[in-house]
Protein backbone atom coordinates (compact mmCIF):
# COMPACT_ATOMS: atom_id res chain seq x y z
CA UNK A 1 -35.74 -27.80 12.28
CA UNK A 2 -35.15 -26.97 8.92
CA UNK A 3 -34.57 -29.85 6.25
CA UNK A 4 -30.83 -30.57 5.98
CA UNK A 5 -28.90 -30.85 2.65
CA UNK A 6 -25.26 -32.21 2.51
CA UNK A 7 -23.16 -31.39 -0.52
CA UNK A 8 -20.17 -33.51 -1.03
CA UNK A 9 -17.72 -35.30 -3.42
CA UNK A 10 -17.71 -39.01 -3.98
CA UNK A 11 -14.28 -40.26 -2.30
CA UNK A 12 -12.82 -42.44 -5.21
CA UNK A 13 -10.46 -44.07 -2.70
CA UNK A 14 -12.14 -43.50 0.83
CA UNK A 15 -15.57 -44.44 -0.37
CA UNK A 16 -14.35 -47.62 -2.32
CA UNK A 17 -14.64 -51.11 -0.76
CA UNK A 18 -14.99 -54.65 -1.64
CA UNK A 19 -18.89 -55.09 -2.04
CA UNK A 20 -19.28 -58.00 0.06
CA UNK A 21 -20.88 -57.80 3.61
CA UNK A 22 -17.31 -56.86 5.13
CA UNK A 23 -17.69 -53.43 3.50
CA UNK A 24 -19.92 -52.55 6.42
CA UNK A 25 -17.09 -52.75 8.79
CA UNK A 26 -15.16 -50.08 6.76
CA UNK A 27 -15.35 -46.35 7.42
CA UNK A 28 -16.50 -44.74 4.20
CA UNK A 29 -17.00 -40.88 4.60
CA UNK A 30 -19.95 -40.36 2.49
CA UNK A 31 -21.85 -43.48 3.91
CA UNK A 32 -21.03 -42.49 7.47
CA UNK A 33 -22.71 -39.25 7.12
CA UNK A 34 -25.93 -40.99 6.68
CA UNK A 35 -25.33 -43.33 9.54
CA UNK A 36 -25.02 -40.80 12.33
CA UNK A 37 -27.72 -40.89 14.87
CA UNK A 38 -27.74 -37.22 15.70
CA UNK A 39 -27.69 -36.05 12.01
CA UNK A 40 -30.69 -36.42 9.77
CA UNK A 41 -29.83 -35.87 6.17
CA UNK A 42 -32.87 -35.15 4.00
CA UNK A 43 -30.87 -34.66 0.81
CA UNK A 44 -27.56 -35.57 -0.24
CA UNK A 45 -25.94 -33.84 -3.38
CA UNK A 46 -23.46 -36.27 -4.40
CA UNK A 47 -20.90 -34.89 -7.00
CA UNK A 48 -18.57 -36.99 -8.92
CA UNK A 49 -16.67 -37.41 -12.38
CA UNK A 50 -17.74 -39.41 -15.21
CA UNK A 51 -15.09 -42.16 -14.56
CA UNK A 52 -16.59 -42.96 -11.23
CA UNK A 53 -20.08 -43.76 -12.17
CA UNK A 54 -20.06 -47.45 -11.08
CA UNK A 55 -18.65 -46.50 -7.64
CA UNK A 56 -21.38 -43.70 -7.36
CA UNK A 57 -24.04 -46.32 -8.14
CA UNK A 58 -22.91 -48.59 -5.36
CA UNK A 59 -22.60 -45.72 -2.75
CA UNK A 60 -26.09 -44.48 -3.72
CA UNK A 61 -27.50 -47.92 -3.16
CA UNK A 62 -25.99 -48.28 0.28
CA UNK A 63 -27.33 -44.88 1.27
CA UNK A 64 -30.80 -46.03 0.22
CA UNK A 65 -30.47 -49.20 2.39
CA UNK A 66 -29.17 -47.40 5.53
CA UNK A 67 -31.23 -44.10 5.26
CA UNK A 68 -34.20 -44.47 3.10
CA UNK A 69 -35.36 -40.94 4.10
CA UNK A 70 -32.31 -39.37 2.38
CA UNK A 71 -32.81 -38.28 -1.17
CA UNK A 72 -29.78 -38.63 -3.19
CA UNK A 73 -29.26 -35.86 -5.84
CA UNK A 74 -26.54 -37.05 -8.22
CA UNK A 75 -24.40 -34.37 -10.04
CA UNK A 76 -21.72 -35.28 -12.63
CA UNK A 77 -18.96 -32.89 -13.07
CA UNK A 78 -16.35 -33.81 -15.53
CA UNK A 79 -12.79 -32.30 -14.96
CA UNK A 80 -10.14 -32.75 -17.45
CA UNK A 81 -7.57 -32.29 -14.68
CA UNK A 82 -9.02 -32.54 -11.01
CA UNK A 83 -5.86 -30.90 -9.90
CA UNK A 84 -6.22 -27.84 -12.18
CA UNK A 85 -7.23 -25.24 -9.49
CA UNK A 86 -8.73 -22.79 -12.22
CA UNK A 87 -10.75 -25.46 -13.96
CA UNK A 88 -12.10 -27.02 -10.70
CA UNK A 89 -12.95 -23.71 -9.18
CA UNK A 90 -14.60 -22.56 -12.33
CA UNK A 91 -16.92 -25.61 -12.59
CA UNK A 92 -17.67 -25.54 -8.86
CA UNK A 93 -18.60 -21.95 -9.10
CA UNK A 94 -20.98 -22.63 -11.96
CA UNK A 95 -22.60 -25.39 -9.89
CA UNK A 96 -22.99 -23.16 -6.90
CA UNK A 97 -24.62 -20.42 -9.08
CA UNK A 98 -26.99 -22.80 -10.78
CA UNK A 99 -28.04 -24.70 -7.66
CA UNK A 100 -31.37 -23.58 -6.25
CA UNK A 101 -30.12 -22.74 -2.73
CA UNK A 102 -33.00 -21.70 -0.34
CA UNK A 103 -31.19 -20.76 2.96
CA UNK A 104 -34.44 -19.38 4.63
CA UNK A 105 -36.04 -22.82 4.49
CA UNK A 106 -33.09 -25.28 4.35
CA UNK A 107 -29.90 -25.90 6.14
CA UNK A 108 -26.78 -26.93 4.06
CA UNK A 109 -23.42 -28.72 5.20
CA UNK A 110 -20.55 -28.68 2.79
CA UNK A 111 -18.59 -32.04 3.24
CA UNK A 112 -14.66 -31.36 2.58
CA UNK A 113 -13.38 -34.68 3.76
CA UNK A 114 -13.41 -36.31 0.25
CA UNK A 115 -12.13 -35.06 -3.11
CA UNK A 116 -8.66 -34.04 -4.21
CA UNK A 117 -6.85 -31.35 -2.21
CA UNK A 118 -7.80 -28.83 -4.89
CA UNK A 119 -11.54 -29.86 -4.59
CA UNK A 120 -11.39 -29.32 -0.86
CA UNK A 121 -9.68 -26.02 -1.19
CA UNK A 122 -12.27 -24.72 -3.60
CA UNK A 123 -15.24 -25.92 -1.60
CA UNK A 124 -13.75 -24.03 1.30
CA UNK A 125 -13.27 -20.91 -0.70
CA UNK A 126 -16.79 -21.06 -2.06
CA UNK A 127 -18.12 -21.59 1.34
CA UNK A 128 -16.18 -18.79 2.85
CA UNK A 129 -17.42 -16.46 0.14
CA UNK A 130 -20.97 -17.65 0.66
CA UNK A 131 -21.53 -19.02 -2.84
CA UNK A 132 -22.13 -22.20 -0.88
CA UNK A 133 -24.48 -20.89 1.95
CA UNK A 134 -23.69 -23.39 4.75
CA UNK A 135 -21.28 -24.73 7.28
CA UNK A 136 -18.32 -26.96 6.52
CA UNK A 137 -18.61 -30.62 7.48
CA UNK A 138 -15.58 -32.67 8.33
CA UNK A 139 -15.86 -36.47 9.03
CA UNK A 140 -13.10 -38.95 10.40
CA UNK A 141 -13.05 -42.47 11.57
CA UNK A 142 -13.12 -43.47 15.20
CA UNK A 143 -9.73 -44.67 16.87
CA UNK A 144 -9.53 -48.20 17.85
CA UNK A 145 -11.57 -51.31 16.49
CA UNK A 146 -12.63 -50.85 12.72
CA UNK A 147 -16.25 -49.56 12.55
CA UNK A 148 -18.20 -47.65 9.86
CA UNK A 149 -19.89 -44.82 11.58
CA UNK A 150 -17.01 -42.49 12.66
CA UNK A 151 -17.54 -38.96 13.95
CA UNK A 152 -18.57 -35.66 12.32
CA UNK A 153 -18.04 -31.97 13.12
CA UNK A 154 -19.60 -28.81 11.56
CA UNK A 155 -17.60 -25.63 11.23
CA UNK A 156 -19.04 -22.31 11.10
CA UNK A 157 -16.84 -19.83 9.11
CA UNK A 158 -18.49 -16.78 10.78
CA UNK A 159 -15.24 -15.91 12.75
CA UNK A 160 -17.29 -13.59 15.02
CA UNK A 161 -18.65 -16.61 16.73
CA UNK A 162 -15.06 -17.58 17.73
CA UNK A 163 -14.00 -15.05 20.15
CA UNK A 164 -10.23 -16.05 20.50
CA UNK A 165 -9.86 -16.27 16.69
CA UNK A 166 -11.64 -13.00 16.16
CA UNK A 167 -9.60 -11.39 18.72
CA UNK A 168 -6.31 -12.57 17.10
CA UNK A 169 -7.60 -11.60 13.51
CA UNK A 170 -8.14 -8.14 15.00
CA UNK A 171 -4.69 -8.02 16.54
CA UNK A 172 -3.13 -9.01 13.30
CA UNK A 173 -5.10 -6.31 11.38
CA UNK A 174 -3.91 -3.79 13.91
CA UNK A 175 -0.32 -4.85 13.69
CA UNK A 176 -0.57 -4.49 9.99
CA UNK A 177 -1.94 -1.09 10.09
CA UNK A 178 0.55 0.01 12.64
CA UNK A 179 3.38 -1.32 10.20
CA UNK A 180 1.84 0.89 7.39
CA UNK A 181 2.12 3.82 9.83
CA UNK A 182 5.77 2.96 10.60
CA UNK A 183 4.72 2.32 14.17
CA UNK A 184 3.72 5.90 14.75
CA UNK A 185 0.74 6.20 17.12
CA UNK A 186 -1.19 8.54 14.80
CA UNK A 187 -4.43 10.11 16.29
CA UNK A 188 -6.25 11.51 13.21
CA UNK A 189 -9.44 9.71 12.79
CA UNK A 190 -9.76 10.18 9.05
CA UNK A 191 -6.11 9.12 8.42
CA UNK A 192 -6.28 5.95 10.68
CA UNK A 193 -9.57 4.84 8.82
CA UNK A 194 -7.84 5.28 5.51
CA UNK A 195 -4.93 3.15 6.81
CA UNK A 196 -7.31 0.42 8.02
CA UNK A 197 -8.86 0.26 4.47
CA UNK A 198 -5.51 0.16 2.73
CA UNK A 199 -4.32 -2.83 4.99
CA UNK A 200 -7.43 -4.70 3.96
CA UNK A 201 -7.11 -3.85 0.32
CA UNK A 202 -3.37 -4.60 0.26
CA UNK A 203 -3.95 -8.08 1.77
CA UNK A 204 -6.82 -9.09 -0.39
CA UNK A 205 -6.37 -7.49 -3.71
CA UNK A 206 -3.63 -7.11 -6.38
CA UNK A 207 -5.66 -4.38 -8.20
CA UNK A 208 -4.02 -1.01 -8.79
CA UNK A 209 -4.05 1.42 -5.77
CA UNK A 210 -4.10 5.27 -6.35
CA UNK A 211 -2.76 7.34 -3.51
CA UNK A 212 -3.70 11.11 -3.85
CA UNK A 213 -2.57 14.00 -1.82
CA UNK A 214 -0.34 16.98 -1.76
CA UNK A 215 3.42 16.88 -2.18
CA UNK A 216 5.07 15.64 1.05
CA UNK A 217 1.95 13.92 2.46
CA UNK A 218 3.75 10.57 2.65
CA UNK A 219 2.55 8.85 -0.68
CA UNK A 220 5.99 7.38 -1.45
CA UNK A 221 6.67 6.15 2.08
CA UNK A 222 3.25 4.63 2.36
CA UNK A 223 3.61 2.80 -1.01
CA UNK A 224 6.85 1.28 0.07
CA UNK A 225 5.33 0.19 3.37
CA UNK A 226 2.57 -1.44 1.37
CA UNK A 227 5.12 -3.42 -0.59
CA UNK A 228 7.05 -4.51 2.67
CA UNK A 229 3.82 -5.71 4.19
CA UNK A 230 2.95 -7.74 1.05
CA UNK A 231 6.40 -9.12 0.96
CA UNK A 232 6.32 -10.07 4.57
CA UNK A 233 3.12 -11.93 3.86
CA UNK A 234 4.62 -13.73 0.75
CA UNK A 235 2.38 -11.99 -1.56
CA UNK A 236 5.13 -10.52 -3.70
CA UNK A 237 8.73 -11.73 -4.17
CA UNK A 238 10.14 -9.18 -6.69
CA UNK A 239 11.36 -5.48 -6.09
CA UNK A 240 9.84 -2.22 -5.23
CA UNK A 241 10.58 0.01 -8.14
CA UNK A 242 9.79 3.66 -7.66
CA UNK A 243 9.41 6.05 -10.61
CA UNK A 244 8.91 9.83 -10.33
CA UNK A 245 6.93 10.42 -13.57
CA UNK A 246 7.75 14.12 -13.32
CA UNK A 247 11.34 13.33 -14.15
CA UNK A 248 10.52 11.32 -17.41
CA UNK A 249 10.16 13.74 -20.42
CA UNK A 250 10.10 13.17 -24.13
CA UNK A 251 11.35 9.98 -25.80
CA UNK A 252 13.45 9.06 -22.82
CA UNK A 253 10.21 8.40 -20.88
CA UNK A 254 9.24 5.46 -23.23
CA UNK A 255 12.83 3.99 -22.96
CA UNK A 256 12.89 4.41 -19.02
CA UNK A 257 9.51 2.85 -18.46
CA UNK A 258 9.23 0.01 -21.22
CA UNK A 259 12.91 -0.53 -22.03
CA UNK A 260 14.55 -0.56 -25.56
CA UNK A 261 16.43 -2.76 -27.81
CA UNK A 262 20.11 -1.95 -28.76
CA UNK A 263 20.24 0.45 -31.66
CA UNK A 264 16.47 1.45 -31.22
CA UNK A 265 17.51 5.18 -31.40
CA UNK A 266 20.68 7.33 -31.35
CA UNK A 267 22.68 6.58 -28.18
CA UNK A 268 21.03 3.22 -27.62
CA UNK A 269 24.37 1.41 -27.32
CA UNK A 270 22.95 -1.54 -25.44
CA UNK A 271 19.62 -3.09 -24.55
CA UNK A 272 17.55 -1.78 -21.61
CA UNK A 273 14.97 -3.90 -19.61
CA UNK A 274 13.06 -0.88 -18.51
CA UNK A 275 11.38 -0.12 -15.06
CA UNK A 276 8.23 -2.11 -15.67
CA UNK A 277 10.31 -5.28 -16.43
CA UNK A 278 12.45 -4.46 -13.22
CA UNK A 279 9.14 -4.70 -11.20
CA UNK A 280 8.33 -8.20 -12.34
CA UNK A 281 6.73 -10.26 -9.52
CA UNK A 282 6.97 -7.00 -7.32
CA UNK A 283 5.44 -3.71 -6.86
CA UNK A 284 5.83 -0.61 -9.27
CA UNK A 285 5.06 2.79 -7.84
CA UNK A 286 4.36 5.49 -10.34
CA UNK A 287 4.64 8.68 -8.42
CA UNK A 288 3.11 11.83 -10.06
CA UNK A 289 1.50 9.61 -12.79
CA UNK A 290 -0.44 12.73 -13.94
CA UNK A 291 2.84 14.07 -15.40
CA UNK A 292 2.96 11.13 -17.82
CA UNK A 293 2.10 11.78 -21.62
CA UNK A 294 -0.96 10.35 -23.18
CA UNK A 295 1.25 7.70 -25.20
CA UNK A 296 2.82 6.41 -22.07
CA UNK A 297 -0.47 6.19 -20.33
CA UNK A 298 -1.93 4.08 -23.09
CA UNK A 299 1.05 1.64 -22.81
CA UNK A 300 0.76 1.71 -19.00
CA UNK A 301 -2.99 0.82 -19.17
CA UNK A 302 -2.18 -2.26 -21.57
CA UNK A 303 0.60 -3.38 -19.27
CA UNK A 304 -1.66 -3.33 -16.12
CA UNK A 305 -4.53 -5.06 -17.88
CA UNK A 306 -2.57 -7.69 -19.94
CA UNK A 307 0.90 -7.80 -18.51
CA UNK A 308 2.43 -7.15 -21.74
CA UNK A 309 4.03 -4.25 -23.61
CA UNK A 310 6.40 -3.52 -26.29
CA UNK A 311 9.88 -2.19 -25.58
CA UNK A 312 11.14 0.73 -27.87
CA UNK A 313 12.40 -0.73 -31.21
CA UNK A 314 11.27 -4.16 -30.41
CA UNK A 315 9.16 -6.34 -32.62
CA UNK A 316 8.19 -8.75 -29.90
CA UNK A 317 6.32 -8.02 -26.69
CA UNK A 318 7.71 -8.70 -23.20
CA UNK A 319 5.74 -9.37 -20.14
CA UNK A 320 5.83 -8.27 -16.54
CA UNK A 321 3.69 -9.42 -13.54
CA UNK A 322 3.60 -6.48 -11.22
CA UNK A 323 1.17 -4.71 -8.82
CA UNK A 324 0.80 -1.13 -9.59
CA UNK A 325 0.59 1.73 -6.80
CA UNK A 326 0.20 5.27 -8.40
CA UNK A 327 0.68 8.63 -6.59
CA UNK A 328 -0.51 12.11 -7.66
CA UNK A 329 -0.99 15.66 -6.26
CA UNK A 330 -3.22 16.41 -9.22
CA UNK A 331 -7.00 16.37 -9.43
CA UNK A 332 -7.26 13.57 -12.00
CA UNK A 333 -10.95 14.10 -12.62
CA UNK A 334 -10.18 17.53 -13.83
CA UNK A 335 -7.19 16.31 -15.93
CA UNK A 336 -9.47 13.77 -17.52
CA UNK A 337 -11.97 16.61 -18.31
CA UNK A 338 -9.19 18.65 -19.73
CA UNK A 339 -8.01 15.77 -21.99
CA UNK A 340 -4.67 15.50 -20.22
CA UNK A 341 -5.32 12.16 -18.59
CA UNK A 342 -6.88 9.12 -20.28
CA UNK A 343 -10.31 8.33 -18.92
CA UNK A 344 -9.86 4.60 -19.30
CA UNK A 345 -6.57 4.59 -17.39
CA UNK A 346 -8.29 6.77 -14.64
CA UNK A 347 -11.20 4.16 -14.65
CA UNK A 348 -8.76 1.33 -14.02
CA UNK A 349 -6.79 3.13 -11.37
CA UNK A 350 -10.03 4.43 -9.53
CA UNK A 351 -10.98 1.10 -8.11
CA UNK A 352 -9.07 1.82 -4.81
CA UNK A 353 -8.49 5.50 -4.38
CA UNK A 354 -7.15 6.96 -1.10
CA UNK A 355 -6.71 10.61 -0.49
CA UNK A 356 -4.08 11.28 2.07
CA UNK A 357 -4.58 14.57 4.12
CA UNK A 358 -1.81 16.96 4.50
CA UNK A 359 0.04 17.71 7.73
CA UNK A 360 -1.92 20.81 8.21
CA UNK A 361 -5.08 18.61 8.42
CA UNK A 362 -3.57 16.22 10.87
CA UNK A 363 -2.11 18.63 13.56
CA UNK A 364 -2.92 16.02 16.20
CA UNK A 365 -0.34 13.70 14.59
CA UNK A 366 2.55 16.35 14.64
CA UNK A 367 3.55 15.27 18.31
CA UNK A 368 3.97 11.45 17.54
CA UNK A 369 5.72 12.26 14.23
CA UNK A 370 8.11 14.65 15.91
CA UNK A 371 9.30 11.64 18.02
CA UNK A 372 9.57 9.46 14.90
CA UNK A 373 11.63 12.15 13.00
CA UNK A 374 14.01 12.18 16.05
CA UNK A 375 14.34 8.42 15.79
CA UNK A 376 15.14 8.62 12.17
CA UNK A 377 17.76 11.19 12.75
CA UNK A 378 19.25 9.09 15.41
CA UNK A 379 19.42 5.91 13.02
CA UNK A 380 20.67 7.96 10.07
CA UNK A 381 23.30 10.01 11.88
CA UNK A 382 24.22 7.75 14.79
CA UNK A 383 23.63 10.65 17.17
CA UNK A 384 20.56 10.69 19.59
CA UNK A 385 19.07 14.10 20.20
CA UNK A 386 16.15 15.05 22.45
CA UNK A 387 14.11 18.13 23.28
CA UNK A 388 13.99 19.56 26.68
CA UNK A 389 10.53 19.95 28.15
CA UNK A 390 10.28 23.85 27.54
CA UNK A 391 11.56 23.69 24.05
CA UNK A 392 9.19 20.82 23.03
CA UNK A 393 6.28 22.62 24.45
CA UNK A 394 7.14 25.75 22.46
CA UNK A 395 7.74 23.94 19.25
CA UNK A 396 4.38 22.09 19.42
CA UNK A 397 2.47 25.19 20.45
CA UNK A 398 3.61 26.69 17.07
CA UNK A 399 3.49 23.59 15.04
CA UNK A 400 -0.06 22.74 16.00
CA UNK A 401 -1.24 26.20 15.90
CA UNK A 402 -3.08 28.17 13.04
CA UNK A 403 0.07 30.21 11.97
CA UNK A 404 1.89 27.01 10.86
CA UNK A 405 0.81 26.09 7.38
CA UNK A 406 3.03 23.27 6.75
CA UNK A 407 3.36 24.06 3.01
CA UNK A 408 5.69 21.04 2.46
CA UNK A 409 3.80 18.76 4.72
CA UNK A 410 5.86 16.01 6.32
CA UNK A 411 8.89 16.94 4.32
CA UNK A 412 8.88 20.35 6.09
CA UNK A 413 8.56 18.47 9.43
CA UNK A 414 11.44 16.24 8.72
CA UNK A 415 13.68 18.96 7.55
CA UNK A 416 12.71 21.00 10.60
CA UNK A 417 13.76 18.23 13.14
CA UNK A 418 16.96 17.63 11.13
CA UNK A 419 17.99 21.27 11.36
CA UNK A 420 17.19 21.55 15.08
CA UNK A 421 19.02 18.12 15.82
CA UNK A 422 22.05 19.21 13.76
CA UNK A 423 22.33 22.56 15.40
CA UNK A 424 22.14 21.03 18.96
CA UNK A 425 25.56 19.45 19.33
CA UNK A 426 24.98 18.94 22.97
CA UNK A 427 22.26 16.35 22.24
CA UNK A 428 19.47 18.61 23.70
CA UNK A 429 17.23 20.82 21.57
CA UNK A 430 16.71 23.90 23.71
CA UNK A 431 14.43 26.99 23.56
CA UNK A 432 17.05 28.97 21.67
CA UNK A 433 17.15 26.32 19.00
CA UNK A 434 13.51 26.18 18.65
CA UNK A 435 13.17 30.04 18.38
CA UNK A 436 15.66 30.04 15.53
CA UNK A 437 13.75 27.18 13.78
CA UNK A 438 10.39 28.79 14.07
CA UNK A 439 11.72 32.00 12.62
CA UNK A 440 13.32 29.98 9.86
CA UNK A 441 9.98 28.14 9.11
CA UNK A 442 8.04 31.51 9.21
CA UNK A 443 10.51 32.82 6.73
CA UNK A 444 10.32 29.74 4.50
CA UNK A 445 6.64 29.77 4.22
CA UNK A 446 6.55 33.52 3.71
CA UNK A 447 9.00 33.08 0.87
CA UNK A 448 6.75 30.33 -0.73
CA UNK A 449 3.87 32.73 -0.65
CA UNK A 450 5.65 35.52 -2.50
CA UNK A 451 5.97 35.24 -6.37
CA UNK A 452 9.39 34.29 -7.23
CA UNK A 453 10.93 34.31 -3.73
CA UNK A 454 12.97 31.48 -2.67
CA UNK A 455 14.49 30.33 0.64
CA UNK A 456 18.17 30.79 0.80
CA UNK A 457 20.16 27.52 1.55
CA UNK A 458 23.35 28.93 3.16
CA UNK A 459 25.19 25.56 2.72
CA UNK A 460 25.40 26.37 -0.86
CA UNK A 461 27.52 29.45 -0.10
CA UNK A 462 29.53 28.64 3.04
CA UNK A 463 31.70 25.86 3.93
CA UNK A 464 30.28 23.56 6.54
CA UNK A 465 32.78 24.62 9.13
CA UNK A 466 31.83 28.17 8.75
CA UNK A 467 28.23 27.46 8.80
CA UNK A 468 28.50 25.54 12.11
CA UNK A 469 30.32 28.40 13.72
CA UNK A 470 27.38 30.89 12.98
CA UNK A 471 25.12 31.75 15.96
CA UNK A 472 21.32 31.03 14.88
CA UNK A 473 20.74 34.79 15.12
CA UNK A 474 23.49 35.54 12.54
CA UNK A 475 22.16 32.67 10.25
CA UNK A 476 18.74 34.20 10.12
CA UNK A 477 20.11 37.65 9.70
CA UNK A 478 22.50 36.57 6.86
CA UNK A 479 19.61 34.74 5.16
CA UNK A 480 17.57 37.85 5.15
CA UNK A 481 20.28 39.84 3.68
CA UNK A 482 20.97 37.50 0.77
CA UNK A 483 17.21 37.25 0.02
CA UNK A 484 17.16 41.03 -0.22
CA UNK A 485 20.45 41.13 -2.54
CA UNK A 486 18.67 38.59 -4.86
CA UNK A 487 15.58 40.67 -5.13
CA UNK A 488 17.69 43.73 -5.86
CA UNK A 489 18.94 44.94 -9.11
CA UNK A 490 22.29 46.36 -7.65
CA UNK A 491 24.44 46.44 -4.58
CA UNK A 492 23.37 50.02 -4.00
CA UNK A 493 19.61 49.21 -4.33
CA UNK A 494 20.06 46.42 -1.81
CA UNK A 495 21.98 48.60 0.56
CA UNK A 496 19.25 51.16 0.39
CA UNK A 497 16.58 48.50 1.26
CA UNK A 498 18.59 47.11 4.20
CA UNK A 499 19.69 50.52 5.76
CA UNK A 500 16.59 52.72 5.00
CA UNK A 501 15.98 53.61 8.57
CA UNK A 502 19.70 54.25 9.68
CA UNK A 503 20.23 56.23 6.43
CA UNK A 504 17.30 58.51 7.17
CA UNK A 505 19.05 59.44 10.62
CA UNK A 506 22.36 60.26 8.84
CA UNK A 507 23.51 63.16 6.58
CA UNK A 508 25.58 60.94 4.32
CA UNK A 509 26.26 57.18 4.06
CA UNK A 510 27.45 54.84 1.45
CA UNK A 511 24.77 51.97 1.67
CA UNK A 512 26.55 49.81 -0.96
CA UNK A 513 29.84 50.05 1.01
CA UNK A 514 28.26 48.93 4.29
CA UNK A 515 26.65 46.08 2.55
CA UNK A 516 29.90 45.08 0.88
CA UNK A 517 31.64 45.18 4.24
CA UNK A 518 28.83 43.02 5.85
CA UNK A 519 29.08 40.19 3.11
CA UNK A 520 32.99 40.37 3.47
CA UNK A 521 32.57 39.36 7.28
CA UNK A 522 31.46 35.91 5.90
CA UNK A 523 33.89 35.76 2.97
CA UNK A 524 31.04 36.53 0.57
CA UNK A 525 30.79 39.04 -2.45
CA UNK A 526 27.92 40.50 -4.31
CA UNK A 527 28.21 38.36 -7.56
CA UNK A 528 28.49 35.27 -5.43
CA UNK A 529 25.31 35.67 -3.40
CA UNK A 530 23.23 36.81 -6.34
CA UNK A 531 24.10 34.04 -8.61
CA UNK A 532 21.42 31.32 -7.85
CA UNK A 533 22.60 28.89 -10.44
């Protein structure tokens, strides 16, 4: 067997006793370790403060009497405040780093029965982190008649050796990961691996998290879920503050982020706390952080590192303790190279970076997200809508196929489900509704790939009652007509484009009049449909 070293604190109360013969009838934790028949202690590293030297001398003398083979290594650590966690942990860490541990040739037990509660916690943490490379040792007196030996037990912090604990830990991690995914049973291996990593980081670190990915990939929703998970675990108590940095321009950006004093500039009629202050003790999500100017980036960096910043017009700094989550659809490495993003801020953000794949890269996750979006619709509108089997199969065949580019990612999917559910008043999405929606999606994506072309939103032109009375076929046709009008310079040019084939078969026709009459069926006129403002 390897030689055994015990490391423990002198118990200023539990190890004390009257120093007559009766002391051998009292259980004293440090002494009891050296009295165990089934525990041979070759070395005892006894840690104590300067004020307990007399007690230490007595205890060391008793160890020599009862266990002469045990070498006592006395270590004096002076704590100004033994209840100051930072001081205690720091000095114990220094001890652990300087001690000549040799795990290959020696075994170690870390006694945590004595010392203040702060000391015990620090000893536990240092052992868990393997700065103290051993098992925990607990001692306690026996019940019944007083006797000095008591009992002992060693605890191995390798949780893999405890099947029930390891299983429960794995279940808890799985529950947290499912929470981050909003309970959706996602199937994409790469995405699930990212979520598992984020769950571990979110629970064990307050360092900034950078979420990268295309617009609509779910960065904002994931950031909020990270916050909610941390709040459930009592790791934050403040608010979740979300900021779209793309909306912060010019002088107003500084004021919105960092606040301002009354009278700091024209229009500053009252004091403003700012978004960073609003996130104090909570989570700040800076979406599209790549849109911030260099000055704002510099102040954000200081706020992250020091928790301090200067509101606009103030002569005194303010503080805010928040965790930062940043999101971007830009390549920040390229932005740094071009001088548009600070390299020091990127270095600070790049500790935990997660690239979220777009929906087109996660086609196997469309089916479970389809059900999730229907549930969201039901919660939002109070109206439960479902697919019939044929319609669902047709929608998934297209959605999971190569012709669906999902340019807007999950935003496109959410909007698609909302449209189908809204246009299915019977509560069942049928094949007709799916066919109309697929045509709409194809038109939408075709419009996004054409320069300057935009998809028509009929709700901006028609009253809701009139829109609801339109058949899906008529809606698609009307949208195409309006798109053509908007690309044309005049009513006549639009008419020639729309009626080119029929005009060729007639000797004379007035294309402008035909188009005017078509629009009139929907109470629309040329100027109205071509005014995109």
